[in-house]
Each structure stands twice: as C-alpha cells, then as structure tokens.
C-alpha cells in the first residue's frame, strides 16, 4: 500500500500541473501500470502569496500554508509536499506546526547536488529565493557546496520574468536569451551546475540549452515524493 500524497499547489498553477503530470508519468515509466498512489491537491489562491512575498509578510504566508496543510490532513493525506521554492522560506515553521511528514524541495535538491560531487553551483529563482541566505545557501554550505547568485540587477529581471511571464506560461525568446546570459555569467564565476530554483523555470530553460548540469527542483521533488509514497 502506498502513502496518500498531499500537495499544496497553485504556487503557481503551471508548476503544479507539471509536478502532477511528471509524477504520474514517472510512475508509469517505472512500473508499467496505473496503480498510482492516491493524491490530494489543495490549490491556493496565488495572488495574495505574490503580494505577501513582495511585502515580506512571511507570517501571513506561513499561516495560509498551515491552513492549506490542515485541509489536506483532514482529507487523509499521510505526508505533504509544496512544489515551489520560495515558500520553503517558512518550511520549518509549517512542518513543525502541522506535525506531519513533509519533504523539502531544498533538502532533496541539495542531496541531488551532492550526488553529482559538485562544489559550486548557481541559483536562479524569485528575488526572495535568491536573497534568502537561510534557504539554499545555508543548506548547501553544510554539505560543502558554495552557492552563487546573479548580480542585483539580474536578480530583479530574473524574478520579474518569473512573475510576469512564466507563472502565466508565457515563454519569450528574449527572456530565454537573458536567462542564458545570466547562466553564462554564473559559469564564469565557477558554477558547475545551476539550480532552477523556481519550479516554472524549466518551462523555458532545457537541458540542451547549456553544458552546465541543470537541477530541475520540480522533478527532483516529484522523484522524492514518489519514492517516499511507495516505500
């Protein structure tokens, strides 16, 4: 019997769709049947999370995620995942309050990086994700990996593209070129791989676009979710 998966989704909706789709296809590829784990998705209203993130109102974000988690628990889920990076800034508080197993996208990505024996990686994501020193930087430092982030002006544009384009599934060639330029700058600084630290970035940046190792955090968490549900 597999564990029932709880997903706090809608952060944003497109990445939740990608997460669910990949989870299902990953199961079929691995097992060749359709005995999928049971899954409950609670999709939140994204707009208020965008506003709260911009205003750094993490107490409101934490409170709303806890409410979403409680609804999933009442529906009978046995563990919870949040397929988004920025909201993991309050992951520890949410997990402690809900008192249910939760998988961290940050920890799972860090474990994947360690498996590649990398010593320096770049991070792309929302402004909050890139500038939250306690998120990826602290976790990776404990694993002996240095984290690089884009310059301030690049961080602003990377984040703008996420919120104004990718969240709405808009992929522009000009934005892709900008991202690839930023990746090239990080490579010049010594990055051996790139964390796609926003679950919408893989909509635009693909494996063949760069020689650096790309870490698709959405798929990494989905892989870990499937493994945990089945073990």
Protein backbone atom coordinates (compact mmCIF):
# COMPACT_ATOMS: atom_id res chain seq x y z
CA UNK A 1 0.00 0.00 0.00
CA UNK A 2 1.33 3.43 -0.92
CA UNK A 3 1.05 6.54 1.23
CA UNK A 4 -1.51 9.15 0.24
CA UNK A 5 0.28 12.23 -1.11
CA UNK A 6 -0.80 15.74 -0.16
CA UNK A 7 0.21 18.60 -2.44
CA UNK A 8 -0.13 22.29 -1.59
CA UNK A 9 -0.45 23.57 -5.14
CA UNK A 10 -1.17 26.72 -7.11
CA UNK A 11 2.15 28.40 -6.31
CA UNK A 12 1.92 28.84 -9.29
CA UNK A 13 -0.65 26.67 -11.02
CA UNK A 14 1.50 25.79 -14.06
CA UNK A 15 4.26 24.26 -11.96
CA UNK A 16 1.65 22.28 -10.02
CA UNK A 17 0.36 20.86 -13.31
CA UNK A 18 3.91 19.96 -14.34
CA UNK A 19 4.58 18.36 -10.94
CA UNK A 20 1.45 16.19 -11.09
CA UNK A 21 1.99 15.24 -14.74
CA UNK A 22 5.61 14.25 -14.15
CA UNK A 23 4.71 12.29 -11.01
CA UNK A 24 2.17 10.22 -12.91
CA UNK A 25 4.37 9.64 -15.98
CA UNK A 26 7.32 8.77 -13.72
CA UNK A 27 5.25 6.06 -12.05
CA UNK A 28 4.08 4.59 -15.37
CA UNK A 29 7.63 4.56 -16.73
CA UNK A 30 8.98 2.85 -13.64
CA UNK A 31 6.24 0.27 -13.05
CA UNK A 32 4.38 -0.09 -16.35
CA UNK A 33 0.91 0.03 -14.83
CA UNK A 34 -1.52 2.61 -13.48
CA UNK A 35 -1.64 1.72 -9.79
CA UNK A 36 -0.80 5.30 -8.91
CA UNK A 37 -0.52 6.47 -5.30
CA UNK A 38 -3.57 8.38 -4.13
CA UNK A 39 -3.03 12.14 -4.39
CA UNK A 40 -4.90 15.10 -2.89
CA UNK A 41 -4.11 18.57 -4.26
CA UNK A 42 -5.18 21.74 -2.48
CA UNK A 43 -4.63 24.65 -4.86
CA UNK A 44 -4.35 28.01 -3.12
CA UNK A 45 -5.15 31.47 -4.48
CA UNK A 46 -1.78 32.64 -5.80
CA UNK A 47 -2.28 36.42 -5.98
CA UNK A 48 -2.15 37.03 -2.25
CA UNK A 49 1.01 34.97 -1.94
CA UNK A 50 2.67 37.18 -4.57
CA UNK A 51 1.68 40.30 -2.65
CA UNK A 52 2.79 38.89 0.69
CA UNK A 53 6.12 37.78 -0.76
CA UNK A 54 6.78 41.24 -2.20
CA UNK A 55 5.96 42.77 1.20
CA UNK A 56 7.95 40.11 3.12
CA UNK A 57 4.87 39.16 5.15
CA UNK A 58 6.13 35.68 5.89
CA UNK A 59 3.89 35.32 8.94
CA UNK A 60 0.82 35.55 6.69
CA UNK A 61 2.34 33.12 4.20
CA UNK A 62 3.13 30.63 6.93
CA UNK A 63 -0.37 30.92 8.39
CA UNK A 64 -2.00 30.34 4.99
CA UNK A 65 0.20 27.35 4.19
CA UNK A 66 -0.64 25.84 7.55
CA UNK A 67 -4.36 26.26 6.79
CA UNK A 68 -3.85 24.54 3.44
CA UNK A 69 -1.93 21.73 5.10
CA UNK A 70 -4.67 21.24 7.68
CA UNK A 71 -7.22 20.83 4.90
CA UNK A 72 -5.03 18.18 3.28
CA UNK A 73 -4.63 16.37 6.59
CA UNK A 74 -8.41 16.39 7.08
CA UNK A 75 -8.66 14.77 3.63
CA UNK A 76 -6.49 11.89 4.84
CA UNK A 77 -3.05 12.56 3.35
CA UNK A 78 -0.05 10.90 5.03
CA UNK A 79 2.62 13.41 4.02
CA UNK A 80 2.78 16.79 2.31
CA UNK A 81 4.91 18.44 -0.38
CA UNK A 82 4.96 22.02 -1.65
CA UNK A 83 6.20 22.10 -5.28
CA UNK A 84 7.58 25.63 -5.13
CA UNK A 85 10.85 27.05 -3.81
CA UNK A 86 10.07 30.47 -2.38
CA UNK A 87 7.53 29.20 0.14
CA UNK A 88 10.20 26.95 1.63
CA UNK A 89 11.48 30.04 3.40
CA UNK A 90 8.83 29.19 6.03
CA UNK A 91 9.02 25.39 5.54
CA UNK A 92 10.37 24.57 9.01
CA UNK A 93 7.64 26.54 10.78
CA UNK A 94 4.89 25.00 8.66
CA UNK A 95 6.22 21.47 9.17
CA UNK A 96 6.57 21.91 12.91
CA UNK A 97 3.03 23.25 13.26
CA UNK A 98 1.37 20.64 11.05
CA UNK A 99 3.26 17.78 12.71
CA UNK A 100 3.08 15.55 9.63
CA UNK A 101 5.93 14.28 7.43
CA UNK A 102 6.90 16.83 4.77
CA UNK A 103 9.55 16.62 2.06
CA UNK A 104 11.71 19.70 1.48
CA UNK A 105 12.49 20.75 -2.08
CA UNK A 106 15.66 22.40 -0.76
CA UNK A 107 16.96 19.30 1.01
CA UNK A 108 16.11 16.97 -1.87
CA UNK A 109 17.85 19.27 -4.35
CA UNK A 110 20.88 19.53 -2.08
CA UNK A 111 21.11 15.74 -1.90
CA UNK A 112 21.00 15.55 -5.70
CA UNK A 113 23.83 18.10 -5.97
CA UNK A 114 25.94 16.13 -3.51
CA UNK A 115 25.35 13.05 -5.64
CA UNK A 116 27.00 14.88 -8.55
CA UNK A 117 30.05 15.80 -6.42
CA UNK A 118 29.78 19.49 -7.26
CA UNK A 119 31.49 22.17 -5.18
CA UNK A 120 29.96 25.36 -6.60
CA UNK A 121 26.50 25.92 -8.08
CA UNK A 122 24.45 28.90 -9.25
CA UNK A 123 20.89 29.64 -8.22
CA UNK A 124 18.07 31.16 -10.28
CA UNK A 125 14.68 31.87 -8.78
CA UNK A 126 12.49 34.60 -7.41
CA UNK A 127 14.20 37.54 -5.75
CA UNK A 128 13.12 36.21 -2.36
CA UNK A 129 14.54 32.76 -3.06
CA UNK A 130 17.88 34.05 -4.34
CA UNK A 131 18.33 36.51 -1.48
CA UNK A 132 17.14 34.28 1.38
CA UNK A 133 20.52 33.33 2.86
CA UNK A 134 18.94 30.73 5.11
CA UNK A 135 17.39 28.82 2.23
CA UNK A 136 19.74 27.20 -0.28
CA UNK A 137 22.96 28.90 0.87
CA UNK A 138 22.87 27.54 4.42
CA UNK A 139 21.74 24.07 3.40
CA UNK A 140 24.41 23.74 0.72
CA UNK A 141 27.17 25.20 2.89
CA UNK A 142 26.54 22.43 5.39
CA UNK A 143 27.10 19.98 2.53
CA UNK A 144 30.35 21.66 1.43
CA UNK A 145 28.89 23.39 -1.62
CA UNK A 146 29.23 27.12 -2.36
CA UNK A 147 26.26 28.99 -3.79
CA UNK A 148 26.42 31.73 -6.41
CA UNK A 149 23.59 34.13 -7.23
CA UNK A 150 23.26 36.71 -10.04
CA UNK A 151 24.08 40.39 -9.55
CA UNK A 152 21.31 42.56 -8.12
CA UNK A 153 20.07 43.95 -11.44
CA UNK A 154 19.99 40.46 -12.93
CA UNK A 155 18.14 39.13 -9.89
CA UNK A 156 15.40 41.70 -10.39
CA UNK A 157 14.93 40.75 -14.05
CA UNK A 158 15.11 37.00 -13.36
CA UNK A 159 12.36 37.45 -10.78
CA UNK A 160 10.26 39.75 -12.98
CA UNK A 161 10.24 37.18 -15.78
CA UNK A 162 9.04 34.52 -13.37
CA UNK A 163 6.12 36.52 -12.01
CA UNK A 164 5.11 38.39 -15.18
CA UNK A 165 5.66 35.63 -17.73
CA UNK A 166 6.45 32.09 -16.62
CA UNK A 167 3.76 31.87 -13.94
CA UNK A 168 1.26 32.55 -16.74
CA UNK A 169 3.01 30.01 -19.02
CA UNK A 170 4.39 32.80 -21.24
CA UNK A 171 7.78 31.86 -22.71
CA UNK A 172 9.55 34.58 -24.69
CA UNK A 173 12.74 34.13 -26.72
CA UNK A 174 14.11 37.39 -25.34
CA UNK A 175 13.63 36.20 -21.77
CA UNK A 176 15.24 32.87 -22.53
CA UNK A 177 18.26 34.64 -24.01
CA UNK A 178 18.52 36.77 -20.88
CA UNK A 179 18.44 33.70 -18.63
CA UNK A 180 21.13 32.01 -20.70
CA UNK A 181 23.30 35.13 -20.40
CA UNK A 182 22.87 35.04 -16.62
CA UNK A 183 23.77 31.35 -16.58
CA UNK A 184 26.90 32.14 -18.61
CA UNK A 185 27.90 34.80 -16.05
CA UNK A 186 27.47 32.29 -13.22
CA UNK A 187 29.58 29.80 -15.13
CA UNK A 188 32.34 32.40 -15.45
CA UNK A 189 32.26 32.72 -11.65
CA UNK A 190 32.87 28.99 -11.32
CA UNK A 191 29.39 27.47 -11.25
CA UNK A 192 29.42 23.78 -12.20
CA UNK A 193 25.65 23.49 -12.16
CA UNK A 194 22.52 25.61 -11.96
CA UNK A 195 19.65 25.19 -9.51
CA UNK A 196 16.44 26.07 -11.30
CA UNK A 197 15.13 27.36 -8.00
CA UNK A 198 11.74 28.29 -9.29
CA UNK A 199 9.54 25.46 -10.48
CA UNK A 200 8.46 27.47 -13.55
CA UNK A 201 11.99 27.96 -14.94
CA UNK A 202 12.07 24.51 -16.64
CA UNK A 203 9.23 25.73 -18.83
CA UNK A 204 11.85 27.86 -20.56
CA UNK A 205 15.35 26.50 -19.84
CA UNK A 206 16.05 22.99 -21.09
CA UNK A 207 18.88 20.51 -20.71
CA UNK A 208 20.28 21.19 -24.20
CA UNK A 209 20.46 24.95 -23.61
CA UNK A 210 23.66 24.80 -21.54
CA UNK A 211 26.56 22.47 -20.83
CA UNK A 212 26.15 23.04 -17.10
CA UNK A 213 24.22 20.49 -15.04
CA UNK A 214 20.66 21.74 -14.52
CA UNK A 215 18.81 20.83 -11.34
CA UNK A 216 15.07 20.82 -12.02
CA UNK A 217 13.75 21.26 -8.49
CA UNK A 218 10.19 20.38 -9.50
CA UNK A 219 11.20 16.98 -10.89
CA UNK A 220 13.64 16.36 -8.06
CA UNK A 221 10.85 16.83 -5.52
CA UNK A 222 8.47 14.71 -7.61
CA UNK A 223 11.01 11.86 -7.71
CA UNK A 224 11.43 12.05 -3.93
CA UNK A 225 7.65 12.22 -3.47
CA UNK A 226 7.06 9.06 -5.48
CA UNK A 227 9.83 7.20 -3.67
CA UNK A 228 8.53 8.23 -0.26
CA UNK A 229 4.94 7.32 -1.15
CA UNK A 230 5.92 3.83 -2.29
CA UNK A 231 8.40 2.92 0.45
